[in-house]
Amino acid sequence: MDIEFDLINEFITTRSEKSLNNIIKTYKKFVYATALRYIENYDDADDITQEVFIKVYNNLDKFKGNSSFKTWLYRITVNLSINFLRKKKIFRFFSLDNKEINENFQIDFSTPDKVLEDKEFNTKFLSIIAKLPEKQRETFALRYYEEMPYEEISKLLGTSVGGLKANYHQAVKKITNMLKSSDLQEVNYEK
């Protein structure tokens, strides 16, 4: 928490590029991973990440400290991601061409086979995670990708530790079943 406070305080008092870069360096991976779980597209998640830090730059002096800075960043990232998805759905709805607007996870065919296989698995894995109910998806992602303790996730999502453990267990069970399934399109785990 002291590092978090020091980073914020340094930026608010100096408004220097160096202090902003320190904040970005510390939290970029977290913001990007959160956006990617919602957006499921590397380039779009990168754009969302940039937007988040623009918002931070413009609004950090308004951060009240009622929650941790990471929680505040998380909420900004989720809100921007949801808004992005809404705009994308509206654009698709009004589009004359009903084809996929952006191919998710575009493949660079000049890469070795192993990289291609990993990318295909990651694409499949992210699409499976996206099928989970929201609370299970977020609990799984924060625990698995961010390796956050249940207590921190509890503060972030406002859910009891027991509820989080149940959500995580259910998410793992559903992901396992979907990975075993040969036809992912027919599996529906929404509650």
N, C-alpha and C. Protein backbone atom coordinates (compact mmCIF):
# COMPACT_ATOMS: atom_id res chain seq x y z
N MET A 1 0.82 -1.20 0.00
CA MET A 1 0.00 0.00 0.00
C MET A 1 0.86 1.26 0.00
N ASP A 2 2.01 1.25 0.68
CA ASP A 2 2.87 2.43 0.72
C ASP A 2 3.38 2.78 -0.66
N ILE A 3 3.76 1.76 -1.44
CA ILE A 3 4.24 1.99 -2.80
C ILE A 3 3.13 2.62 -3.62
N GLU A 4 1.93 2.09 -3.47
CA GLU A 4 0.77 2.61 -4.17
C GLU A 4 0.56 4.09 -3.82
N PHE A 5 0.57 4.41 -2.54
CA PHE A 5 0.39 5.78 -2.08
C PHE A 5 1.50 6.68 -2.61
N ASP A 6 2.74 6.19 -2.55
CA ASP A 6 3.88 6.98 -3.03
C ASP A 6 3.76 7.30 -4.52
N LEU A 7 3.36 6.31 -5.32
CA LEU A 7 3.22 6.52 -6.75
C LEU A 7 2.15 7.58 -7.05
N ILE A 8 1.02 7.47 -6.38
CA ILE A 8 -0.08 8.41 -6.59
C ILE A 8 0.31 9.80 -6.13
N ASN A 9 0.88 9.89 -4.94
CA ASN A 9 1.26 11.18 -4.37
C ASN A 9 2.31 11.87 -5.24
N GLU A 10 3.28 11.10 -5.72
CA GLU A 10 4.33 11.68 -6.58
C GLU A 10 3.71 12.27 -7.85
N PHE A 11 2.77 11.53 -8.44
CA PHE A 11 2.15 12.04 -9.66
C PHE A 11 1.31 13.29 -9.40
N ILE A 12 0.52 13.26 -8.34
CA ILE A 12 -0.35 14.40 -8.03
C ILE A 12 0.46 15.66 -7.76
N THR A 13 1.58 15.52 -7.06
CA THR A 13 2.38 16.70 -6.73
C THR A 13 3.25 17.17 -7.88
N THR A 14 3.78 16.26 -8.69
CA THR A 14 4.70 16.68 -9.75
C THR A 14 4.08 16.72 -11.14
N ARG A 15 3.06 15.87 -11.37
CA ARG A 15 2.46 15.72 -12.71
C ARG A 15 3.55 15.46 -13.77
N SER A 16 4.61 14.80 -13.34
CA SER A 16 5.72 14.54 -14.25
C SER A 16 5.46 13.28 -15.09
N GLU A 17 6.11 13.25 -16.24
CA GLU A 17 6.01 12.09 -17.12
C GLU A 17 6.62 10.87 -16.44
N LYS A 18 7.68 11.09 -15.69
CA LYS A 18 8.35 9.99 -14.99
C LYS A 18 7.41 9.33 -13.98
N SER A 19 6.69 10.13 -13.22
CA SER A 19 5.78 9.56 -12.22
C SER A 19 4.63 8.81 -12.89
N LEU A 20 4.13 9.34 -14.01
CA LEU A 20 3.09 8.64 -14.75
C LEU A 20 3.62 7.32 -15.31
N ASN A 21 4.83 7.35 -15.85
CA ASN A 21 5.44 6.13 -16.38
C ASN A 21 5.62 5.07 -15.29
N ASN A 22 5.92 5.50 -14.06
CA ASN A 22 6.05 4.55 -12.95
C ASN A 22 4.71 3.89 -12.65
N ILE A 23 3.63 4.65 -12.70
CA ILE A 23 2.29 4.08 -12.48
C ILE A 23 1.97 3.09 -13.59
N ILE A 24 2.22 3.50 -14.83
CA ILE A 24 1.93 2.63 -15.97
C ILE A 24 2.75 1.35 -15.88
N LYS A 25 4.02 1.48 -15.59
CA LYS A 25 4.90 0.32 -15.50
C LYS A 25 4.42 -0.66 -14.42
N THR A 26 3.94 -0.13 -13.32
CA THR A 26 3.50 -0.96 -12.20
C THR A 26 2.19 -1.68 -12.50
N TYR A 27 1.26 -1.03 -13.22
CA TYR A 27 -0.09 -1.57 -13.35
C TYR A 27 -0.50 -1.96 -14.78
N LYS A 28 0.36 -1.77 -15.75
CA LYS A 28 -0.02 -2.03 -17.14
C LYS A 28 -0.43 -3.48 -17.38
N LYS A 29 0.33 -4.41 -16.86
CA LYS A 29 0.04 -5.83 -17.08
C LYS A 29 -1.33 -6.19 -16.51
N PHE A 30 -1.63 -5.68 -15.32
CA PHE A 30 -2.91 -5.95 -14.66
C PHE A 30 -4.07 -5.38 -15.49
N VAL A 31 -3.93 -4.13 -15.94
CA VAL A 31 -4.98 -3.48 -16.72
C VAL A 31 -5.17 -4.21 -18.05
N TYR A 32 -4.08 -4.53 -18.73
CA TYR A 32 -4.15 -5.20 -20.03
C TYR A 32 -4.83 -6.58 -19.89
N ALA A 33 -4.44 -7.34 -18.88
CA ALA A 33 -5.02 -8.68 -18.68
C ALA A 33 -6.51 -8.59 -18.38
N THR A 34 -6.90 -7.60 -17.60
CA THR A 34 -8.32 -7.41 -17.30
C THR A 34 -9.09 -7.06 -18.57
N ALA A 35 -8.57 -6.13 -19.35
CA ALA A 35 -9.24 -5.75 -20.61
C ALA A 35 -9.31 -6.93 -21.57
N LEU A 36 -8.26 -7.69 -21.67
CA LEU A 36 -8.22 -8.83 -22.59
C LEU A 36 -9.28 -9.87 -22.24
N ARG A 37 -9.53 -10.07 -20.96
CA ARG A 37 -10.56 -11.03 -20.55
C ARG A 37 -11.94 -10.60 -21.02
N TYR A 38 -12.18 -9.32 -21.09
CA TYR A 38 -13.48 -8.82 -21.55
C TYR A 38 -13.53 -8.71 -23.07
N ILE A 39 -12.50 -8.15 -23.67
CA ILE A 39 -12.50 -7.81 -25.09
C ILE A 39 -12.17 -9.01 -25.97
N GLU A 40 -11.28 -9.89 -25.50
CA GLU A 40 -10.85 -11.09 -26.23
C GLU A 40 -10.15 -10.76 -27.54
N ASN A 41 -9.52 -9.61 -27.61
CA ASN A 41 -8.76 -9.22 -28.80
C ASN A 41 -7.55 -8.44 -28.33
N TYR A 42 -6.37 -8.88 -28.72
CA TYR A 42 -5.13 -8.28 -28.24
C TYR A 42 -5.03 -6.79 -28.56
N ASP A 43 -5.30 -6.42 -29.81
CA ASP A 43 -5.17 -5.02 -30.21
C ASP A 43 -6.17 -4.13 -29.50
N ASP A 44 -7.42 -4.60 -29.39
CA ASP A 44 -8.45 -3.81 -28.71
C ASP A 44 -8.14 -3.70 -27.21
N ALA A 45 -7.63 -4.75 -26.62
CA ALA A 45 -7.25 -4.70 -25.19
C ALA A 45 -6.12 -3.70 -24.99
N ASP A 46 -5.21 -3.63 -25.94
CA ASP A 46 -4.13 -2.65 -25.88
C ASP A 46 -4.69 -1.23 -25.95
N ASP A 47 -5.67 -1.02 -26.82
CA ASP A 47 -6.31 0.29 -26.92
C ASP A 47 -7.02 0.67 -25.62
N ILE A 48 -7.72 -0.29 -25.04
CA ILE A 48 -8.41 -0.06 -23.77
C ILE A 48 -7.40 0.30 -22.69
N THR A 49 -6.28 -0.40 -22.67
CA THR A 49 -5.23 -0.13 -21.68
C THR A 49 -4.74 1.31 -21.80
N GLN A 50 -4.54 1.77 -23.03
CA GLN A 50 -4.12 3.16 -23.23
C GLN A 50 -5.19 4.12 -22.75
N GLU A 51 -6.44 3.82 -23.03
CA GLU A 51 -7.54 4.67 -22.57
C GLU A 51 -7.61 4.74 -21.06
N VAL A 52 -7.37 3.62 -20.40
CA VAL A 52 -7.40 3.59 -18.94
C VAL A 52 -6.36 4.56 -18.38
N PHE A 53 -5.16 4.52 -18.92
CA PHE A 53 -4.11 5.39 -18.38
C PHE A 53 -4.30 6.85 -18.77
N ILE A 54 -5.00 7.11 -19.86
CA ILE A 54 -5.38 8.49 -20.17
C ILE A 54 -6.38 8.98 -19.12
N LYS A 55 -7.35 8.12 -18.78
CA LYS A 55 -8.31 8.47 -17.71
C LYS A 55 -7.59 8.69 -16.39
N VAL A 56 -6.63 7.84 -16.08
CA VAL A 56 -5.87 7.98 -14.84
C VAL A 56 -5.15 9.33 -14.84
N TYR A 57 -4.52 9.66 -15.95
CA TYR A 57 -3.80 10.93 -16.06
C TYR A 57 -4.74 12.11 -15.81
N ASN A 58 -5.92 12.05 -16.38
CA ASN A 58 -6.86 13.17 -16.27
C ASN A 58 -7.62 13.20 -14.96
N ASN A 59 -7.70 12.07 -14.25
CA ASN A 59 -8.58 12.00 -13.07
C ASN A 59 -7.91 11.53 -11.79
N LEU A 60 -6.62 11.32 -11.79
CA LEU A 60 -5.98 10.78 -10.59
C LEU A 60 -6.15 11.68 -9.38
N ASP A 61 -6.20 12.97 -9.59
CA ASP A 61 -6.38 13.88 -8.46
C ASP A 61 -7.78 13.73 -7.84
N LYS A 62 -8.70 13.06 -8.54
CA LYS A 62 -10.05 12.83 -8.03
C LYS A 62 -10.15 11.50 -7.29
N PHE A 63 -9.10 10.69 -7.34
CA PHE A 63 -9.09 9.41 -6.62
C PHE A 63 -9.18 9.70 -5.12
N LYS A 64 -10.23 9.18 -4.47
CA LYS A 64 -10.51 9.50 -3.07
C LYS A 64 -9.83 8.55 -2.10
N GLY A 65 -9.39 7.41 -2.56
CA GLY A 65 -8.74 6.46 -1.67
C GLY A 65 -9.71 5.63 -0.85
N ASN A 66 -11.00 5.62 -1.22
CA ASN A 66 -11.97 4.79 -0.51
C ASN A 66 -11.73 3.30 -0.76
N SER A 67 -11.06 3.01 -1.84
CA SER A 67 -10.68 1.64 -2.17
C SER A 67 -9.20 1.68 -2.53
N SER A 68 -8.64 0.53 -2.81
CA SER A 68 -7.24 0.52 -3.24
C SER A 68 -7.16 1.08 -4.65
N PHE A 69 -5.99 1.54 -5.02
CA PHE A 69 -5.78 2.08 -6.36
C PHE A 69 -6.02 1.00 -7.41
N LYS A 70 -5.63 -0.23 -7.09
CA LYS A 70 -5.82 -1.35 -8.02
C LYS A 70 -7.31 -1.60 -8.26
N THR A 71 -8.11 -1.47 -7.21
CA THR A 71 -9.56 -1.63 -7.35
C THR A 71 -10.12 -0.54 -8.25
N TRP A 72 -9.65 0.68 -8.06
CA TRP A 72 -10.09 1.82 -8.87
C TRP A 72 -9.73 1.58 -10.35
N LEU A 73 -8.50 1.13 -10.60
CA LEU A 73 -8.06 0.81 -11.97
C LEU A 73 -8.91 -0.30 -12.56
N TYR A 74 -9.21 -1.30 -11.76
CA TYR A 74 -10.02 -2.43 -12.21
C TYR A 74 -11.39 -1.94 -12.68
N ARG A 75 -12.03 -1.09 -11.87
CA ARG A 75 -13.36 -0.58 -12.23
C ARG A 75 -13.31 0.25 -13.51
N ILE A 76 -12.30 1.09 -13.66
CA ILE A 76 -12.15 1.89 -14.88
C ILE A 76 -11.99 0.96 -16.08
N THR A 77 -11.15 -0.06 -15.96
CA THR A 77 -10.89 -0.99 -17.05
C THR A 77 -12.15 -1.76 -17.43
N VAL A 78 -12.87 -2.26 -16.45
CA VAL A 78 -14.10 -3.01 -16.72
C VAL A 78 -15.12 -2.11 -17.39
N ASN A 79 -15.30 -0.90 -16.88
CA ASN A 79 -16.28 0.03 -17.46
C ASN A 79 -15.93 0.38 -18.91
N LEU A 80 -14.66 0.68 -19.18
CA LEU A 80 -14.26 0.99 -20.55
C LEU A 80 -14.43 -0.22 -21.46
N SER A 81 -14.13 -1.40 -20.95
CA SER A 81 -14.28 -2.63 -21.75
C SER A 81 -15.75 -2.89 -22.08
N ILE A 82 -16.62 -2.73 -21.10
CA ILE A 82 -18.05 -2.94 -21.34
C ILE A 82 -18.58 -1.91 -22.33
N ASN A 83 -18.18 -0.66 -22.18
CA ASN A 83 -18.60 0.37 -23.14
C ASN A 83 -18.11 0.06 -24.55
N PHE A 84 -16.88 -0.41 -24.64
CA PHE A 84 -16.32 -0.78 -25.94
C PHE A 84 -17.16 -1.89 -26.59
N LEU A 85 -17.50 -2.92 -25.80
CA LEU A 85 -18.29 -4.04 -26.32
C LEU A 85 -19.69 -3.58 -26.74
N ARG A 86 -20.31 -2.67 -25.98
CA ARG A 86 -21.62 -2.14 -26.35
C ARG A 86 -21.55 -1.41 -27.70
N LYS A 87 -20.53 -0.56 -27.84
CA LYS A 87 -20.36 0.18 -29.10
C LYS A 87 -20.14 -0.78 -30.27
N LYS A 88 -19.36 -1.81 -30.02
CA LYS A 88 -19.07 -2.78 -31.07
C LYS A 88 -20.34 -3.52 -31.49
N LYS A 89 -21.19 -3.89 -30.51
CA LYS A 89 -22.45 -4.57 -30.83
C LYS A 89 -23.38 -3.65 -31.62
N ILE A 90 -23.44 -2.40 -31.23
CA ILE A 90 -24.29 -1.44 -31.94
C ILE A 90 -23.77 -1.27 -33.37
N PHE A 91 -22.46 -1.16 -33.52
CA PHE A 91 -21.87 -1.01 -34.85
C PHE A 91 -22.18 -2.22 -35.73
N ARG A 92 -22.06 -3.40 -35.14
CA ARG A 92 -22.36 -4.62 -35.90
C ARG A 92 -23.84 -4.68 -36.29
N PHE A 93 -24.69 -4.26 -35.37
CA PHE A 93 -26.13 -4.30 -35.63
C PHE A 93 -26.49 -3.42 -36.82
N PHE A 94 -25.88 -2.25 -36.91
CA PHE A 94 -26.20 -1.31 -37.99
C PHE A 94 -25.32 -1.49 -39.22
N SER A 95 -24.39 -2.41 -39.16
CA SER A 95 -23.50 -2.65 -40.29
C SER A 95 -24.26 -3.35 -41.41
N LEU A 96 -24.01 -2.93 -42.64
CA LEU A 96 -24.63 -3.58 -43.79
C LEU A 96 -24.07 -4.97 -44.00
N ASP A 97 -22.82 -5.11 -43.66
CA ASP A 97 -22.12 -6.37 -43.83
C ASP A 97 -22.11 -7.08 -42.49
N ASN A 98 -22.74 -8.21 -42.38
CA ASN A 98 -22.88 -8.90 -41.10
C ASN A 98 -21.69 -9.81 -40.79
N LYS A 99 -20.58 -9.67 -41.53
CA LYS A 99 -19.39 -10.47 -41.27
C LYS A 99 -18.69 -9.96 -40.01
N GLU A 100 -17.82 -10.75 -39.49
CA GLU A 100 -17.03 -10.35 -38.32
C GLU A 100 -16.21 -9.11 -38.69
N ILE A 101 -16.33 -8.05 -37.89
CA ILE A 101 -15.65 -6.79 -38.18
C ILE A 101 -14.15 -6.92 -37.97
N ASN A 102 -13.76 -7.44 -36.84
CA ASN A 102 -12.34 -7.65 -36.56
C ASN A 102 -12.12 -9.11 -36.23
N GLU A 103 -11.20 -9.74 -36.88
CA GLU A 103 -10.87 -11.11 -36.53
C GLU A 103 -10.12 -11.08 -35.20
N ASN A 104 -10.64 -11.79 -34.22
CA ASN A 104 -9.98 -11.85 -32.92
C ASN A 104 -8.71 -12.68 -33.05
N PHE A 105 -7.69 -12.22 -32.40
CA PHE A 105 -6.42 -12.92 -32.32
C PHE A 105 -5.88 -13.26 -33.72
N GLN A 106 -5.63 -12.23 -34.50
CA GLN A 106 -5.12 -12.44 -35.85
C GLN A 106 -3.79 -13.18 -35.77
N ILE A 107 -3.61 -14.10 -36.69
CA ILE A 107 -2.45 -14.97 -36.65
C ILE A 107 -1.39 -14.48 -37.63
N ASP A 108 -0.17 -14.42 -37.19
CA ASP A 108 0.96 -14.08 -38.03
C ASP A 108 1.53 -15.40 -38.54
N PHE A 109 1.32 -15.67 -39.84
CA PHE A 109 1.69 -16.97 -40.39
C PHE A 109 3.20 -17.16 -40.54
N SER A 110 3.96 -16.14 -40.25
CA SER A 110 5.41 -16.28 -40.33
C SER A 110 6.00 -16.83 -39.03
N THR A 111 5.17 -17.06 -38.02
CA THR A 111 5.67 -17.55 -36.73
C THR A 111 5.81 -19.07 -36.77
N PRO A 112 6.63 -19.60 -35.88
CA PRO A 112 6.79 -21.05 -35.81
C PRO A 112 5.50 -21.75 -35.40
N ASP A 113 5.40 -23.04 -35.69
CA ASP A 113 4.20 -23.82 -35.38
C ASP A 113 3.84 -23.78 -33.90
N LYS A 114 4.81 -23.81 -33.04
CA LYS A 114 4.55 -23.82 -31.61
C LYS A 114 3.82 -22.53 -31.19
N VAL A 115 4.25 -21.41 -31.69
CA VAL A 115 3.61 -20.13 -31.36
C VAL A 115 2.18 -20.15 -31.86
N LEU A 116 1.97 -20.68 -33.04
CA LEU A 116 0.63 -20.77 -33.60
C LEU A 116 -0.27 -21.65 -32.75
N GLU A 117 0.25 -22.81 -32.33
CA GLU A 117 -0.53 -23.70 -31.48
C GLU A 117 -0.88 -23.03 -30.16
N ASP A 118 0.09 -22.34 -29.56
CA ASP A 118 -0.15 -21.64 -28.30
C ASP A 118 -1.21 -20.57 -28.47
N LYS A 119 -1.14 -19.85 -29.55
CA LYS A 119 -2.10 -18.78 -29.82
C LYS A 119 -3.50 -19.36 -30.02
N GLU A 120 -3.59 -20.47 -30.73
CA GLU A 120 -4.88 -21.12 -30.95
C GLU A 120 -5.46 -21.62 -29.62
N PHE A 121 -4.61 -22.20 -28.77
CA PHE A 121 -5.09 -22.66 -27.47
C PHE A 121 -5.56 -21.47 -26.63
N ASN A 122 -4.76 -20.39 -26.62
CA ASN A 122 -5.14 -19.20 -25.84
C ASN A 122 -6.46 -18.63 -26.33
N THR A 123 -6.66 -18.61 -27.62
CA THR A 123 -7.91 -18.12 -28.19
C THR A 123 -9.07 -18.99 -27.71
N LYS A 124 -8.88 -20.29 -27.78
CA LYS A 124 -9.90 -21.25 -27.34
C LYS A 124 -10.16 -21.09 -25.83
N PHE A 125 -9.09 -20.97 -25.06
CA PHE A 125 -9.21 -20.84 -23.61
C PHE A 125 -9.94 -19.55 -23.24
N LEU A 126 -9.60 -18.44 -23.88
CA LEU A 126 -10.30 -17.17 -23.60
C LEU A 126 -11.77 -17.24 -23.98
N SER A 127 -12.09 -17.93 -25.08
CA SER A 127 -13.50 -18.04 -25.47
C SER A 127 -14.26 -18.91 -24.47
N ILE A 128 -13.60 -19.90 -23.89
CA ILE A 128 -14.22 -20.73 -22.86
C ILE A 128 -14.48 -19.88 -21.61
N ILE A 129 -13.48 -19.12 -21.19
CA ILE A 129 -13.64 -18.27 -20.01
C ILE A 129 -14.77 -17.27 -20.22
N ALA A 130 -14.89 -16.74 -21.43
CA ALA A 130 -15.94 -15.76 -21.73
C ALA A 130 -17.34 -16.36 -21.59
N LYS A 131 -17.46 -17.67 -21.69
CA LYS A 131 -18.77 -18.32 -21.56
C LYS A 131 -19.21 -18.49 -20.12
N LEU A 132 -18.29 -18.30 -19.18
CA LEU A 132 -18.64 -18.45 -17.76
C LEU A 132 -19.53 -17.30 -17.32
N PRO A 133 -20.37 -17.52 -16.31
CA PRO A 133 -21.11 -16.40 -15.71
C PRO A 133 -20.11 -15.38 -15.17
N GLU A 134 -20.49 -14.12 -15.15
CA GLU A 134 -19.57 -13.02 -14.85
C GLU A 134 -18.80 -13.21 -13.53
N LYS A 135 -19.48 -13.56 -12.46
CA LYS A 135 -18.79 -13.69 -11.16
C LYS A 135 -17.76 -14.81 -11.20
N GLN A 136 -18.11 -15.93 -11.84
CA GLN A 136 -17.15 -17.03 -11.94
C GLN A 136 -15.98 -16.64 -12.83
N ARG A 137 -16.27 -15.95 -13.92
CA ARG A 137 -15.22 -15.51 -14.86
C ARG A 137 -14.23 -14.59 -14.16
N GLU A 138 -14.73 -13.60 -13.44
CA GLU A 138 -13.86 -12.66 -12.77
C GLU A 138 -13.07 -13.31 -11.65
N THR A 139 -13.73 -14.15 -10.86
CA THR A 139 -13.04 -14.84 -9.77
C THR A 139 -11.92 -15.71 -10.32
N PHE A 140 -12.23 -16.48 -11.37
CA PHE A 140 -11.22 -17.35 -11.98
C PHE A 140 -10.05 -16.53 -12.52
N ALA A 141 -10.38 -15.48 -13.25
CA ALA A 141 -9.33 -14.68 -13.90
C ALA A 141 -8.42 -14.01 -12.87
N LEU A 142 -8.99 -13.45 -11.84
CA LEU A 142 -8.17 -12.77 -10.83
C LEU A 142 -7.33 -13.76 -10.03
N ARG A 143 -7.88 -14.92 -9.79
CA ARG A 143 -7.15 -15.94 -9.03
C ARG A 143 -6.09 -16.63 -9.89
N TYR A 144 -6.47 -17.02 -11.11
CA TYR A 144 -5.59 -17.79 -11.98
C TYR A 144 -4.52 -16.91 -12.64
N TYR A 145 -4.94 -15.82 -13.28
CA TYR A 145 -4.00 -14.98 -14.02
C TYR A 145 -3.24 -14.01 -13.12
N GLU A 146 -3.96 -13.37 -12.22
CA GLU A 146 -3.32 -12.36 -11.37
C GLU A 146 -2.76 -12.94 -10.08
N GLU A 147 -3.10 -14.21 -9.79
CA GLU A 147 -2.63 -14.91 -8.60
C GLU A 147 -2.93 -14.13 -7.33
N MET A 148 -4.10 -13.50 -7.31
CA MET A 148 -4.52 -12.72 -6.15
C MET A 148 -5.05 -13.64 -5.06
N PRO A 149 -4.79 -13.31 -3.80
CA PRO A 149 -5.38 -14.09 -2.71
C PRO A 149 -6.89 -13.82 -2.64
N TYR A 150 -7.63 -14.77 -2.11
CA TYR A 150 -9.08 -14.63 -2.03
C TYR A 150 -9.48 -13.37 -1.26
N GLU A 151 -8.73 -13.01 -0.24
CA GLU A 151 -9.06 -11.85 0.57
C GLU A 151 -9.03 -10.57 -0.27
N GLU A 152 -8.03 -10.44 -1.14
CA GLU A 152 -7.93 -9.26 -2.00
C GLU A 152 -9.04 -9.26 -3.06
N ILE A 153 -9.33 -10.43 -3.62
CA ILE A 153 -10.42 -10.53 -4.59
C ILE A 153 -11.74 -10.17 -3.92
N SER A 154 -11.90 -10.58 -2.68
CA SER A 154 -13.11 -10.28 -1.93
C SER A 154 -13.33 -8.77 -1.83
N LYS A 155 -12.27 -8.03 -1.54
CA LYS A 155 -12.36 -6.56 -1.46
C LYS A 155 -12.66 -5.97 -2.83
N LEU A 156 -12.03 -6.52 -3.85
CA LEU A 156 -12.18 -6.00 -5.21
C LEU A 156 -13.59 -6.20 -5.74
N LEU A 157 -14.17 -7.38 -5.51
CA LEU A 157 -15.48 -7.70 -6.07
C LEU A 157 -16.63 -7.55 -5.08
N GLY A 158 -16.31 -7.33 -3.80
CA GLY A 158 -17.35 -7.18 -2.80
C GLY A 158 -18.12 -8.46 -2.55
N THR A 159 -17.42 -9.58 -2.55
CA THR A 159 -18.02 -10.90 -2.34
C THR A 159 -17.29 -11.59 -1.19
N SER A 160 -17.99 -12.46 -0.46
CA SER A 160 -17.35 -13.18 0.64
C SER A 160 -16.30 -14.15 0.10
N VAL A 161 -15.33 -14.46 0.95
CA VAL A 161 -14.27 -15.39 0.58
C VAL A 161 -14.87 -16.76 0.26
N GLY A 162 -15.84 -17.19 1.06
CA GLY A 162 -16.50 -18.48 0.81
C GLY A 162 -17.19 -18.51 -0.54
N GLY A 163 -17.86 -17.42 -0.88
CA GLY A 163 -18.53 -17.32 -2.18
C GLY A 163 -17.53 -17.35 -3.32
N LEU A 164 -16.39 -16.70 -3.11
CA LEU A 164 -15.33 -16.69 -4.14
C LEU A 164 -14.77 -18.08 -4.37
N LYS A 165 -14.55 -18.80 -3.28
CA LYS A 165 -14.01 -20.16 -3.41
C LYS A 165 -14.99 -21.06 -4.16
N ALA A 166 -16.28 -20.88 -3.87
CA ALA A 166 -17.30 -21.66 -4.59
C ALA A 166 -17.32 -21.28 -6.07
N ASN A 167 -17.24 -19.96 -6.36
CA ASN A 167 -17.21 -19.50 -7.75
C ASN A 167 -15.99 -20.05 -8.49
N TYR A 168 -14.84 -20.03 -7.83
CA TYR A 168 -13.61 -20.52 -8.45
C TYR A 168 -13.73 -22.02 -8.74
N HIS A 169 -14.21 -22.77 -7.78
CA HIS A 169 -14.37 -24.22 -7.94
C HIS A 169 -15.32 -24.52 -9.11
N GLN A 170 -16.45 -23.82 -9.17
CA GLN A 170 -17.41 -24.02 -10.26
C GLN A 170 -16.79 -23.64 -11.61
N ALA A 171 -16.04 -22.55 -11.64
CA ALA A 171 -15.40 -22.12 -12.88
C ALA A 171 -14.42 -23.17 -13.38
N VAL A 172 -13.59 -23.69 -12.49
CA VAL A 172 -12.61 -24.72 -12.87
C VAL A 172 -13.32 -25.95 -13.41
N LYS A 173 -14.39 -26.34 -12.75
CA LYS A 173 -15.16 -27.51 -13.17
C LYS A 173 -15.74 -27.31 -14.58
N LYS A 174 -16.32 -26.14 -14.83
CA LYS A 174 -16.91 -25.85 -16.14
C LYS A 174 -15.85 -25.74 -17.23
N ILE A 175 -14.73 -25.10 -16.91
CA ILE A 175 -13.64 -24.97 -17.88
C ILE A 175 -13.12 -26.36 -18.25
N THR A 176 -12.93 -27.20 -17.26
CA THR A 176 -12.46 -28.56 -17.50
C THR A 176 -13.41 -29.30 -18.43
N ASN A 177 -14.70 -29.21 -18.14
CA ASN A 177 -15.69 -29.89 -18.99
C ASN A 177 -15.69 -29.34 -20.41
N MET A 178 -15.58 -28.02 -20.55
CA MET A 178 -15.57 -27.43 -21.89
C MET A 178 -14.31 -27.80 -22.66
N LEU A 179 -13.18 -27.87 -21.97
CA LEU A 179 -11.94 -28.27 -22.65
C LEU A 179 -12.01 -29.72 -23.12
N LYS A 180 -12.70 -30.55 -22.35
CA LYS A 180 -12.86 -31.96 -22.73
C LYS A 180 -13.85 -32.13 -23.88
N SER A 181 -14.77 -31.18 -24.00
CA SER A 181 -15.81 -31.26 -25.03
C SER A 181 -15.21 -31.05 -26.41
N SER A 182 -15.63 -31.85 -27.35
CA SER A 182 -15.10 -31.70 -28.70
C SER A 182 -15.80 -30.58 -29.45
N ASP A 183 -17.06 -30.29 -29.13
CA ASP A 183 -17.79 -29.23 -29.81
C ASP A 183 -18.13 -28.15 -28.80
N LEU A 184 -17.31 -27.12 -28.74
CA LEU A 184 -17.48 -26.06 -27.74
C LEU A 184 -18.73 -25.23 -27.97
N GLN A 185 -19.24 -25.17 -29.18
CA GLN A 185 -20.39 -24.33 -29.48
C GLN A 185 -21.67 -24.84 -28.81
N GLU A 186 -21.78 -26.15 -28.61
CA GLU A 186 -23.02 -26.70 -28.06
C GLU A 186 -23.03 -26.70 -26.53
N VAL A 187 -21.90 -26.42 -25.90
CA VAL A 187 -21.86 -26.42 -24.46
C VAL A 187 -22.34 -25.07 -23.95
N ASN A 188 -23.35 -25.08 -23.09
CA ASN A 188 -23.89 -23.84 -22.54
C ASN A 188 -23.94 -23.97 -21.03
N TYR A 189 -23.10 -23.16 -20.35
CA TYR A 189 -23.02 -23.24 -18.90
C TYR A 189 -23.60 -22.02 -18.22
N GLU A 190 -24.30 -21.16 -18.92
CA GLU A 190 -24.89 -19.99 -18.28
C GLU A 190 -25.95 -20.44 -17.31
N LYS A 191 -25.99 -19.83 -16.15
CA LYS A 191 -27.00 -20.17 -15.14
C LYS A 191 -28.23 -19.31 -15.35
